[in-house]
Amino acid sequence: MEASKICRAEENITYFVGTDLISEAWNACQNAYKSRDFYKIEYKNVLIIAFSGAPNSRDYVTDNDFDECDINYNLNDEFNCLVDGDSENPKPAMVRKAFLDRFLCTLRSSNLKAKILEVQKDIVEKKTIIFTGHSFGGAIASLWTLWTLEKRHKIPPLCITFGCPLVGDKIFAKAIEREKWSHYFCHIVSRNDIVPRICFSPFKSPFISKALDELLPYWYDSMRNRKAENQTKVENQSKVENQKTVQDGSHPLSKENSQEFIKQVISDASQVLTHETTALVVGPANLVGGAAKDLIKRSPYRPFGYYVFCSTSGSVCCIENTETALHMLYFALENSKLFGACIMEHIEYDKTIKHISKSSGLTASYSKTVKSDKSSADDVRIDLQLEAMGIGNQNTQAWLGLKTIEENKNKLAINIDQQIVKLDEMQEFMAELEWYKTMCEGNQSNQDKDLNANKQSYYECFKTNKTENDMKANKNRVKLAAFWDRITELVEKEELPKDLQTQDKWINAGTEYRLLVEPLDIAHYYRLGKHEDSGSYIARGRPRRYKLLQKWLDDKKKKSGTESVTRSKPPILTQNSCFWAYVEEAINSSTDKEPKDYKMQLENMVARHEISSEDLSSSTITNWQNSLSSKAG
């Protein structure tokens, strides 16, 4: 079976493997070790910017077990897209503070930011920027890439990392996938390299901290002293000599300390993998977080982007799924018997990238036919991936783990297909509510006009709930609520594709539903007097579905730059779906401060033409204004 049929990721990173950019990026990484902050070079209309690894363990100083912090900590607002949750309760991504601190330092104290913006604005040369880095530097390159992607320029940057440690948590990885940025990241990982797995462990652990105190300066000095010609040195060595060098190495750790160090990382990675595998089976929202979760603090860090796993033997495996990458990070290391290789391979990427840069690209990893009795394409792909990494399809735990991931992907595909069908069915109820709105506002046909002689807004009609049409509208409201509550539940359980909320089809459908139907929910809430028992609708009664759908639209506006665009005329639907809740609170308010706040909010909405003509001229608005006038007097 050809690689193109079993590895979709290959199609997305052809730009990397079809040229010698990977070799050029690696050369830039080596030169970065001799530079103060970063190294940059232009190559065939490409600007390559490289960052070096850390010189000592001080760059990995931890404030807590895993050194995680809010991506926007200390009033840093550089990463607005790396959040999850709804409009009222956003959950920021967590990243390793040491990485973020160094990124912010280079952002604010160097001329790199100005250079990037200059290149991005040059529409004549149209240069591509490639951020790259080895080890710690790969994490910095990743953050620079994300920062540049947030600027939404026409030519997005690319990122190539070598032996990069994990940078952010699951929200971080999910946001990158949701924004469709994964294919801008190519993480090259040597099969045995310990550093891409190092963030699975708390650096306060004695085995970890002691090892890093010795290894980081060794790795740093080794990279500074490497010469470009060393990239071809391995070709002149015999297979036996090469094996002995990789296995025994001249690194500063003793064999015993090396084993303890590697075993600790494997053990910590195992805890993460077990937790994630369980979440795939039962669903993240159903995962019980009882005593076991409290007793064991697991690493929050997860893979993101595309991973290219490779080895000095020539095996190459490209992974586009972050859950699969997590399994590969663990099982490739867990099956390694060469503890010395786990340390030495971190500085020997020149021995592996030659296999990626060949004209055959990533197909080399699948040139051999793997014996398999599997019939499905998913099962064969699993066999090929495990074989490429030397794990072997006889490893039951690894095979079942990857099989669970494939089944979960298929489940997501089935779920979204089902919900698309149901979304189409919901259009009938939406159409009936649109007719109900038109009828209530006096635009009905001549024979129906007598049914609504007062020409109230549809909000006022629904709140009185006197006619059969009002009751039918209520039934449609309930049916639509059930559907969107289900969508909210599936999104929060991660049982729908992560990029669903960035798709125009779902954003537009959710926005139309929210603007048309939430006023009816508000009318129902205040008609039943729920505000008297539970409090205001905004604070106590607003359903989660509306908060989530509002965030989808807000995110889209931020990306497109239309967040503060002023309309030239009133819309058909009032654009703030909570507008009637503000009106109700103003009418029922007993303080002087709140009416002034609501009045100012109303005036701003009127100025921006966000209120429909029908709502603005309704009798309830007149009552509001009279209420404000009386309280002001």
Foldseek 3Di string as FASTA:
>chain_A
DFPVVQPVLCVLVCVPQQACVVVVQVVLQLVQLVDDAWGWDDDPLAIEIEGEADQACVLQDAPDQLQKDFLCPPNRDLQVLLWDAFQVDIHGWIWRVSLSVSLVCCCPPHCVVVVVVVQLPPPPSNGEYEYEYAESRLLSSVVVQSSQVLVVGPHRHAYEYELYAFTIFPSRQLSCVLVVNQSRYEYEYELQACRNLLSQGGCVPPLNVVVRRQQSNVLSVVSNPDDPVVLCVVVPDDPVVVVCCLQPNPGPDDPVSLVVNLVRSLVSLVVVLVQVLVCLVPFPVPDDCPPVVVVDPTRRTFDHHKYWYWYLVLQIDIDGDRNLVSLSNNLSNVPDPRSSNNRVVSNNCSSTCVSCNDNVHNSSNVPDDDDDPDDDSQLSSLQSRCVSSVNGPVPPVSSVSSVSVVVLVVQQVVVVVVLVVVLVVLVVLLVLLVVLQCLLQQNDDPVSNVVRVVRFGSLVVLLVQDDPSSVSNVVSLVVVVVSLVVVVVCQVSVSHRSNPLQDPVVLVSLQSCLQRRLSSVQSVCVSVPVCVVQNACVVGNPDSSNRRSVRSVCVVCSSVVNNPPADPAADPTQNPSCLVSLLVCLLVPDDLVSLVVSVVVVVVSVRSNRHHPNVCPHVSVVSSVVSNVVSVD
